[in-house]
Amino acid sequence: MDELDLLQWPAMIVTLLAAWLVASTTKKRRDQGFWVFLVSNLLWVLWGIESETYALVILQIGLAFSNIRGVIKNRSGASAIQ
């Protein structure tokens, strides 16, 4: 297992932390969660490119757009139901 293979473990931990934060009832923590999700998207893309799991890379790019939308909606005060 090379060093880049080890990247999947911090990526997983960061993803779990982001999910925890996004589920918060406070706006500030939700905002932090979306940003942490973006970091996890980057980590997964780096790992996915190296491991040649391109479906994962494309998924993470799509999720990154979703997380950017989450940041914008959370900051504007829009309801998560919209």
PDB file of N, CA and C in Angstrom:
ATOM      1  N   MET A   1       0.860  -1.185   0.000  1.00  0.00           N
ATOM      2  CA  MET A   1       0.000   0.000   0.000  1.00  0.00           C
ATOM      3  C   MET A   1       0.899   1.239   0.000  1.00  0.00           C
ATOM      4  N   ASP A   2       0.759   2.074  -1.030  1.00  0.00           N
ATOM      5  CA  ASP A   2       1.582   3.284  -1.063  1.00  0.00           C
ATOM      6  C   ASP A   2       0.905   4.413  -0.272  1.00  0.00           C
ATOM      7  N   GLU A   3       1.618   5.520  -0.159  1.00  0.00           N
ATOM      8  CA  GLU A   3       1.129   6.628   0.673  1.00  0.00           C
ATOM      9  C   GLU A   3      -0.196   7.202   0.184  1.00  0.00           C
ATOM     10  N   LEU A   4      -0.389   7.257  -1.122  1.00  0.00           N
ATOM     11  CA  LEU A   4      -1.641   7.815  -1.630  1.00  0.00           C
ATOM     12  C   LEU A   4      -2.824   6.905  -1.318  1.00  0.00           C
ATOM     13  N   ASP A   5      -2.582   5.591  -1.239  1.00  0.00           N
ATOM     14  CA  ASP A   5      -3.645   4.683  -0.819  1.00  0.00           C
ATOM     15  C   ASP A   5      -4.139   5.023   0.585  1.00  0.00           C
ATOM     16  N   LEU A   6      -3.247   5.495   1.417  1.00  0.00           N
ATOM     17  CA  LEU A   6      -3.618   5.859   2.792  1.00  0.00           C
ATOM     18  C   LEU A   6      -4.530   7.082   2.829  1.00  0.00           C
ATOM     19  N   LEU A   7      -4.612   7.838   1.740  1.00  0.00           N
ATOM     20  CA  LEU A   7      -5.452   9.037   1.677  1.00  0.00           C
ATOM     21  C   LEU A   7      -6.936   8.728   1.839  1.00  0.00           C
ATOM     22  N   GLN A   8      -7.328   7.505   1.508  1.00  0.00           N
ATOM     23  CA  GLN A   8      -8.742   7.157   1.630  1.00  0.00           C
ATOM     24  C   GLN A   8      -9.217   7.204   3.084  1.00  0.00           C
ATOM     25  N   TRP A   9      -8.344   6.964   4.045  1.00  0.00           N
ATOM     26  CA  TRP A   9      -8.765   6.961   5.446  1.00  0.00           C
ATOM     27  C   TRP A   9      -9.055   8.355   5.971  1.00  0.00           C
ATOM     28  N   PRO A  10      -8.154   9.333   5.761  1.00  0.00           N
ATOM     29  CA  PRO A  10      -8.538  10.693   6.169  1.00  0.00           C
ATOM     30  C   PRO A  10      -9.733  11.212   5.378  1.00  0.00           C
ATOM     31  N   ALA A  11      -9.845  10.828   4.110  1.00  0.00           N
ATOM     32  CA  ALA A  11     -11.001  11.254   3.307  1.00  0.00           C
ATOM     33  C   ALA A  11     -12.294  10.745   3.931  1.00  0.00           C
ATOM     34  N   MET A  12     -12.284   9.504   4.386  1.00  0.00           N
ATOM     35  CA  MET A  12     -13.464   8.934   5.016  1.00  0.00           C
ATOM     36  C   MET A  12     -13.786   9.657   6.326  1.00  0.00           C
ATOM     37  N   ILE A  13     -12.780   9.937   7.127  1.00  0.00           N
ATOM     38  CA  ILE A  13     -12.988  10.617   8.409  1.00  0.00           C
ATOM     39  C   ILE A  13     -13.516  12.036   8.176  1.00  0.00           C
ATOM     40  N   VAL A  14     -12.946  12.743   7.217  1.00  0.00           N
ATOM     41  CA  VAL A  14     -13.396  14.100   6.901  1.00  0.00           C
ATOM     42  C   VAL A  14     -14.839  14.080   6.404  1.00  0.00           C
ATOM     43  N   THR A  15     -15.196  13.081   5.597  1.00  0.00           N
ATOM     44  CA  THR A  15     -16.568  12.955   5.104  1.00  0.00           C
ATOM     45  C   THR A  15     -17.549  12.739   6.250  1.00  0.00           C
ATOM     46  N   LEU A  16     -17.197  11.879   7.179  1.00  0.00           N
ATOM     47  CA  LEU A  16     -18.064  11.638   8.337  1.00  0.00           C
ATOM     48  C   LEU A  16     -18.212  12.888   9.203  1.00  0.00           C
ATOM     49  N   LEU A  17     -17.113  13.602   9.409  1.00  0.00           N
ATOM     50  CA  LEU A  17     -17.170  14.860  10.167  1.00  0.00           C
ATOM     51  C   LEU A  17     -18.082  15.864   9.469  1.00  0.00           C
ATOM     52  N   ALA A  18     -17.956  15.958   8.155  1.00  0.00           N
ATOM     53  CA  ALA A  18     -18.795  16.892   7.394  1.00  0.00           C
ATOM     54  C   ALA A  18     -20.267  16.545   7.529  1.00  0.00           C
ATOM     55  N   ALA A  19     -20.592  15.266   7.430  1.00  0.00           N
ATOM     56  CA  ALA A  19     -21.992  14.839   7.567  1.00  0.00           C
ATOM     57  C   ALA A  19     -22.527  15.199   8.951  1.00  0.00           C
ATOM     58  N   TRP A  20     -21.707  15.029   9.970  1.00  0.00           N
ATOM     59  CA  TRP A  20     -22.096  15.375  11.341  1.00  0.00           C
ATOM     60  C   TRP A  20     -22.396  16.871  11.435  1.00  0.00           C
ATOM     61  N   LEU A  21     -21.517  17.689  10.856  1.00  0.00           N
ATOM     62  CA  LEU A  21     -21.692  19.146  10.928  1.00  0.00           C
ATOM     63  C   LEU A  21     -22.911  19.614  10.133  1.00  0.00           C
ATOM     64  N   VAL A  22     -23.120  19.072   8.957  1.00  0.00           N
ATOM     65  CA  VAL A  22     -24.238  19.491   8.112  1.00  0.00           C
ATOM     66  C   VAL A  22     -25.577  19.162   8.771  1.00  0.00           C
ATOM     67  N   ALA A  23     -25.605  18.132   9.579  1.00  0.00           N
ATOM     68  CA  ALA A  23     -26.844  17.746  10.265  1.00  0.00           C
ATOM     69  C   ALA A  23     -27.150  18.624  11.474  1.00  0.00           C
ATOM     70  N   SER A  24     -26.291  19.587  11.763  1.00  0.00           N
ATOM     71  CA  SER A  24     -26.474  20.459  12.925  1.00  0.00           C
ATOM     72  C   SER A  24     -27.675  21.379  12.755  1.00  0.00           C
ATOM     73  N   THR A  25     -28.221  21.797  13.872  1.00  0.00           N
ATOM     74  CA  THR A  25     -29.324  22.759  13.836  1.00  0.00           C
ATOM     75  C   THR A  25     -28.825  24.194  13.792  1.00  0.00           C
ATOM     76  N   THR A  26     -27.517  24.403  13.957  1.00  0.00           N
ATOM     77  CA  THR A  26     -26.991  25.762  13.895  1.00  0.00           C
ATOM     78  C   THR A  26     -26.427  26.058  12.506  1.00  0.00           C
ATOM     79  N   LYS A  27     -26.722  27.236  12.045  1.00  0.00           N
ATOM     80  CA  LYS A  27     -26.324  27.662  10.703  1.00  0.00           C
ATOM     81  C   LYS A  27     -24.799  27.644  10.535  1.00  0.00           C
ATOM     82  N   LYS A  28     -24.078  28.092  11.560  1.00  0.00           N
ATOM     83  CA  LYS A  28     -22.619  28.159  11.471  1.00  0.00           C
ATOM     84  C   LYS A  28     -22.015  26.767  11.287  1.00  0.00           C
ATOM     85  N   ARG A  29     -22.495  25.794  12.041  1.00  0.00           N
ATOM     86  CA  ARG A  29     -21.967  24.435  11.908  1.00  0.00           C
ATOM     87  C   ARG A  29     -22.328  23.821  10.566  1.00  0.00           C
ATOM     88  N   ARG A  30     -23.547  24.101  10.082  1.00  0.00           N
ATOM     89  CA  ARG A  30     -23.919  23.591   8.753  1.00  0.00           C
ATOM     90  C   ARG A  30     -22.986  24.180   7.699  1.00  0.00           C
ATOM     91  N   ASP A  31     -22.706  25.468   7.810  1.00  0.00           N
ATOM     92  CA  ASP A  31     -21.797  26.116   6.866  1.00  0.00           C
ATOM     93  C   ASP A  31     -20.419  25.456   6.915  1.00  0.00           C
ATOM     94  N   GLN A  32     -19.916  25.231   8.120  1.00  0.00           N
ATOM     95  CA  GLN A  32     -18.628  24.552   8.264  1.00  0.00           C
ATOM     96  C   GLN A  32     -18.688  23.162   7.636  1.00  0.00           C
ATOM     97  N   GLY A  33     -19.810  22.488   7.821  1.00  0.00           N
ATOM     98  CA  GLY A  33     -19.962  21.146   7.267  1.00  0.00           C
ATOM     99  C   GLY A  33     -19.854  21.114   5.751  1.00  0.00           C
ATOM    100  N   PHE A  34     -20.475  22.085   5.091  1.00  0.00           N
ATOM    101  CA  PHE A  34     -20.388  22.120   3.630  1.00  0.00           C
ATOM    102  C   PHE A  34     -18.949  22.352   3.181  1.00  0.00           C
ATOM    103  N   TRP A  35     -18.225  23.217   3.899  1.00  0.00           N
ATOM    104  CA  TRP A  35     -16.820  23.454   3.555  1.00  0.00           C
ATOM    105  C   TRP A  35     -15.967  22.219   3.820  1.00  0.00           C
ATOM    106  N   VAL A  36     -16.246  21.525   4.912  1.00  0.00           N
ATOM    107  CA  VAL A  36     -15.520  20.285   5.206  1.00  0.00           C
ATOM    108  C   VAL A  36     -15.851  19.228   4.150  1.00  0.00           C
ATOM    109  N   PHE A  37     -17.112  19.186   3.705  1.00  0.00           N
ATOM    110  CA  PHE A  37     -17.469  18.282   2.609  1.00  0.00           C
ATOM    111  C   PHE A  37     -16.652  18.599   1.358  1.00  0.00           C
ATOM    112  N   LEU A  38     -16.441  19.883   1.075  1.00  0.00           N
ATOM    113  CA  LEU A  38     -15.637  20.247  -0.099  1.00  0.00           C
ATOM    114  C   LEU A  38     -14.203  19.742   0.033  1.00  0.00           C
ATOM    115  N   VAL A  39     -13.667  19.800   1.240  1.00  0.00           N
ATOM    116  CA  VAL A  39     -12.325  19.241   1.464  1.00  0.00           C
ATOM    117  C   VAL A  39     -12.359  17.734   1.225  1.00  0.00           C
ATOM    118  N   SER A  40     -13.402  17.064   1.713  1.00  0.00           N
ATOM    119  CA  SER A  40     -13.495  15.618   1.497  1.00  0.00           C
ATOM    120  C   SER A  40     -13.645  15.303   0.008  1.00  0.00           C
ATOM    121  N   ASN A  41     -14.399  16.129  -0.728  1.00  0.00           N
ATOM    122  CA  ASN A  41     -14.520  15.927  -2.176  1.00  0.00           C
ATOM    123  C   ASN A  41     -13.140  15.977  -2.832  1.00  0.00           C
ATOM    124  N   LEU A  42     -12.329  16.951  -2.439  1.00  0.00           N
ATOM    125  CA  LEU A  42     -10.982  17.076  -2.997  1.00  0.00           C
ATOM    126  C   LEU A  42     -10.133  15.852  -2.652  1.00  0.00           C
ATOM    127  N   LEU A  43     -10.189  15.415  -1.404  1.00  0.00           N
ATOM    128  CA  LEU A  43      -9.414  14.235  -1.000  1.00  0.00           C
ATOM    129  C   LEU A  43      -9.827  13.000  -1.792  1.00  0.00           C
ATOM    130  N   TRP A  44     -11.146  12.824  -1.963  1.00  0.00           N
ATOM    131  CA  TRP A  44     -11.619  11.663  -2.724  1.00  0.00           C
ATOM    132  C   TRP A  44     -11.233  11.752  -4.200  1.00  0.00           C
ATOM    133  N   VAL A  45     -11.254  12.968  -4.760  1.00  0.00           N
ATOM    134  CA  VAL A  45     -10.842  13.123  -6.163  1.00  0.00           C
ATOM    135  C   VAL A  45      -9.362  12.756  -6.314  1.00  0.00           C
ATOM    136  N   LEU A  46      -8.530  13.236  -5.400  1.00  0.00           N
ATOM    137  CA  LEU A  46      -7.102  12.901  -5.469  1.00  0.00           C
ATOM    138  C   LEU A  46      -6.889  11.401  -5.371  1.00  0.00           C
ATOM    139  N   TRP A  47      -7.573  10.768  -4.449  1.00  0.00           N
ATOM    140  CA  TRP A  47      -7.449   9.317  -4.289  1.00  0.00           C
ATOM    141  C   TRP A  47      -8.021   8.598  -5.512  1.00  0.00           C
ATOM    142  N   GLY A  48      -9.166   9.069  -6.001  1.00  0.00           N
ATOM    143  CA  GLY A  48      -9.816   8.426  -7.140  1.00  0.00           C
ATOM    144  C   GLY A  48      -8.993   8.489  -8.415  1.00  0.00           C
ATOM    145  N   ILE A  49      -8.332   9.600  -8.634  1.00  0.00           N
ATOM    146  CA  ILE A  49      -7.483   9.711  -9.831  1.00  0.00           C
ATOM    147  C   ILE A  49      -6.328   8.726  -9.735  1.00  0.00           C
ATOM    148  N   GLU A  50      -5.690   8.687  -8.586  1.00  0.00           N
ATOM    149  CA  GLU A  50      -4.553   7.776  -8.409  1.00  0.00           C
ATOM    150  C   GLU A  50      -4.970   6.313  -8.509  1.00  0.00           C
ATOM    151  N   SER A  51      -6.141   5.982  -7.981  1.00  0.00           N
ATOM    152  CA  SER A  51      -6.587   4.588  -8.004  1.00  0.00           C
ATOM    153  C   SER A  51      -7.393   4.250  -9.262  1.00  0.00           C
ATOM    154  N   GLU A  52      -7.530   5.234 -10.150  1.00  0.00           N
ATOM    155  CA  GLU A  52      -8.233   5.077 -11.418  1.00  0.00           C
ATOM    156  C   GLU A  52      -9.696   4.665 -11.235  1.00  0.00           C
ATOM    157  N   THR A  53     -10.321   5.217 -10.220  1.00  0.00           N
ATOM    158  CA  THR A  53     -11.758   4.987  -9.990  1.00  0.00           C
ATOM    159  C   THR A  53     -12.497   6.242 -10.455  1.00  0.00           C
ATOM    160  N   TYR A  54     -12.668   6.320 -11.752  1.00  0.00           N
ATOM    161  CA  TYR A  54     -13.165   7.549 -12.366  1.00  0.00           C
ATOM    162  C   TYR A  54     -14.637   7.824 -12.076  1.00  0.00           C
ATOM    163  N   ALA A  55     -15.422   6.792 -11.840  1.00  0.00           N
ATOM    164  CA  ALA A  55     -16.813   7.033 -11.445  1.00  0.00           C
ATOM    165  C   ALA A  55     -16.846   7.768 -10.102  1.00  0.00           C
ATOM    166  N   LEU A  56     -15.948   7.406  -9.194  1.00  0.00           N
ATOM    167  CA  LEU A  56     -15.850   8.093  -7.905  1.00  0.00           C
ATOM    168  C   LEU A  56     -15.440   9.555  -8.102  1.00  0.00           C
ATOM    169  N   VAL A  57     -14.514   9.797  -9.005  1.00  0.00           N
ATOM    170  CA  VAL A  57     -14.064  11.168  -9.286  1.00  0.00           C
ATOM    171  C   VAL A  57     -15.234  12.006  -9.800  1.00  0.00           C
ATOM    172  N   ILE A  58     -15.983  11.465 -10.752  1.00  0.00           N
ATOM    173  CA  ILE A  58     -17.130  12.192 -11.306  1.00  0.00           C
ATOM    174  C   ILE A  58     -18.188  12.414 -10.237  1.00  0.00           C
ATOM    175  N   LEU A  59     -18.439  11.409  -9.412  1.00  0.00           N
ATOM    176  CA  LEU A  59     -19.380  11.560  -8.301  1.00  0.00           C
ATOM    177  C   LEU A  59     -18.949  12.683  -7.372  1.00  0.00           C
ATOM    178  N   GLN A  60     -17.689  12.735  -7.017  1.00  0.00           N
ATOM    179  CA  GLN A  60     -17.207  13.759  -6.089  1.00  0.00           C
ATOM    180  C   GLN A  60     -17.296  15.161  -6.688  1.00  0.00           C
ATOM    181  N   ILE A  61     -17.094  15.279  -7.985  1.00  0.00           N
ATOM    182  CA  ILE A  61     -17.251  16.582  -8.642  1.00  0.00           C
ATOM    183  C   ILE A  61     -18.713  17.020  -8.572  1.00  0.00           C
ATOM    184  N   GLY A  62     -19.626  16.087  -8.846  1.00  0.00           N
ATOM    185  CA  GLY A  62     -21.054  16.397  -8.725  1.00  0.00           C
ATOM    186  C   GLY A  62     -21.433  16.768  -7.301  1.00  0.00           C
ATOM    187  N   LEU A  63     -20.917  16.023  -6.334  1.00  0.00           N
ATOM    188  CA  LEU A  63     -21.205  16.342  -4.929  1.00  0.00           C
ATOM    189  C   LEU A  63     -20.599  17.683  -4.516  1.00  0.00           C
ATOM    190  N   ALA A  64     -19.462  18.031  -5.096  1.00  0.00           N
ATOM    191  CA  ALA A  64     -18.857  19.331  -4.794  1.00  0.00           C
ATOM    192  C   ALA A  64     -19.796  20.459  -5.231  1.00  0.00           C
ATOM    193  N   PHE A  65     -20.400  20.321  -6.407  1.00  0.00           N
ATOM    194  CA  PHE A  65     -21.369  21.332  -6.844  1.00  0.00           C
ATOM    195  C   PHE A  65     -22.556  21.394  -5.882  1.00  0.00           C
ATOM    196  N   SER A  66     -22.988  20.243  -5.415  1.00  0.00           N
ATOM    197  CA  SER A  66     -24.074  20.193  -4.444  1.00  0.00           C
ATOM    198  C   SER A  66     -23.676  20.873  -3.134  1.00  0.00           C
ATOM    199  N   ASN A  67     -22.445  20.686  -2.713  1.00  0.00           N
ATOM    200  CA  ASN A  67     -21.972  21.320  -1.480  1.00  0.00           C
ATOM    201  C   ASN A  67     -21.811  22.824  -1.645  1.00  0.00           C
ATOM    202  N   ILE A  68     -21.400  23.263  -2.813  1.00  0.00           N
ATOM    203  CA  ILE A  68     -21.330  24.707  -3.073  1.00  0.00           C
ATOM    204  C   ILE A  68     -22.739  25.301  -3.003  1.00  0.00           C
ATOM    205  N   ARG A  69     -23.688  24.605  -3.577  1.00  0.00           N
ATOM    206  CA  ARG A  69     -25.098  25.037  -3.489  1.00  0.00           C
ATOM    207  C   ARG A  69     -25.552  25.093  -2.032  1.00  0.00           C
ATOM    208  N   GLY A  70     -25.125  24.105  -1.242  1.00  0.00           N
ATOM    209  CA  GLY A  70     -25.465  24.089   0.178  1.00  0.00           C
ATOM    210  C   GLY A  70     -24.915  25.288   0.911  1.00  0.00           C
ATOM    211  N   VAL A  71     -23.676  25.667   0.616  1.00  0.00           N
ATOM    212  CA  VAL A  71     -23.075  26.855   1.236  1.00  0.00           C
ATOM    213  C   VAL A  71     -23.907  28.085   0.902  1.00  0.00           C
ATOM    214  N   ILE A  72     -24.262  28.233  -0.366  1.00  0.00           N
ATOM    215  CA  ILE A  72     -25.016  29.411  -0.813  1.00  0.00           C
ATOM    216  C   ILE A  72     -26.398  29.444  -0.158  1.00  0.00           C
ATOM    217  N   LYS A  73     -27.096  28.326  -0.180  1.00  0.00           N
ATOM    218  CA  LYS A  73     -28.450  28.280   0.407  1.00  0.00           C
ATOM    219  C   LYS A  73     -28.401  28.477   1.922  1.00  0.00           C
ATOM    220  N   ASN A  74     -27.412  27.897   2.575  1.00  0.00           N
ATOM    221  CA  ASN A  74     -27.308  28.038   4.024  1.00  0.00           C
ATOM    222  C   ASN A  74     -27.045  29.492   4.400  1.00  0.00           C
ATOM    223  N   ARG A  75     -26.220  30.158   3.631  1.00  0.00           N
ATOM    224  CA  ARG A  75     -25.890  31.553   3.932  1.00  0.00           C
ATOM    225  C   ARG A  75     -27.035  32.493   3.615  1.00  0.00           C
ATOM    226  N   SER A  76     -27.854  32.131   2.628  1.00  0.00           N
ATOM    227  CA  SER A  76     -28.969  32.996   2.276  1.00  0.00           C
ATOM    228  C   SER A  76     -30.177  32.769   3.190  1.00  0.00           C
ATOM    229  N   GLY A  77     -30.100  31.721   3.993  1.00  0.00           N
ATOM    230  CA  GLY A  77     -31.193  31.423   4.905  1.00  0.00           C
ATOM    231  C   GLY A  77     -32.305  30.645   4.254  1.00  0.00           C
ATOM    232  N   ALA A  78     -32.080  30.139   3.046  1.00  0.00           N
ATOM    233  CA  ALA A  78     -33.108  29.368   2.342  1.00  0.00           C
ATOM    234  C   ALA A  78     -33.351  28.057   3.070  1.00  0.00           C
ATOM    235  N   SER A  79     -34.558  27.612   3.016  1.00  0.00           N
ATOM    236  CA  SER A  79     -34.932  26.362   3.650  1.00  0.00           C
ATOM    237  C   SER A  79     -34.289  25.186   2.944  1.00  0.00           C
ATOM    238  N   ALA A  80     -33.888  24.180   3.694  1.00  0.00           N
ATOM    239  CA  ALA A  80     -33.281  22.984   3.103  1.00  0.00           C
ATOM    240  C   ALA A  80     -34.284  22.191   2.281  1.00  0.00           C
ATOM    241  N   ILE A  81     -35.569  22.472   2.461  1.00  0.00           N
ATOM    242  CA  ILE A  81     -36.618  21.730   1.753  1.00  0.00           C
ATOM    243  C   ILE A  81     -36.754  22.227   0.315  1.00  0.00           C
ATOM    244  N   GLN A  82     -36.335  23.435   0.028  1.00  0.00           N
ATOM    245  CA  GLN A  82     -36.511  23.999  -1.309  1.00  0.00           C
ATOM    246  C   GLN A  82     -35.704  23.270  -2.352  1.00  0.00           C
TER     247      GLN A  82
END
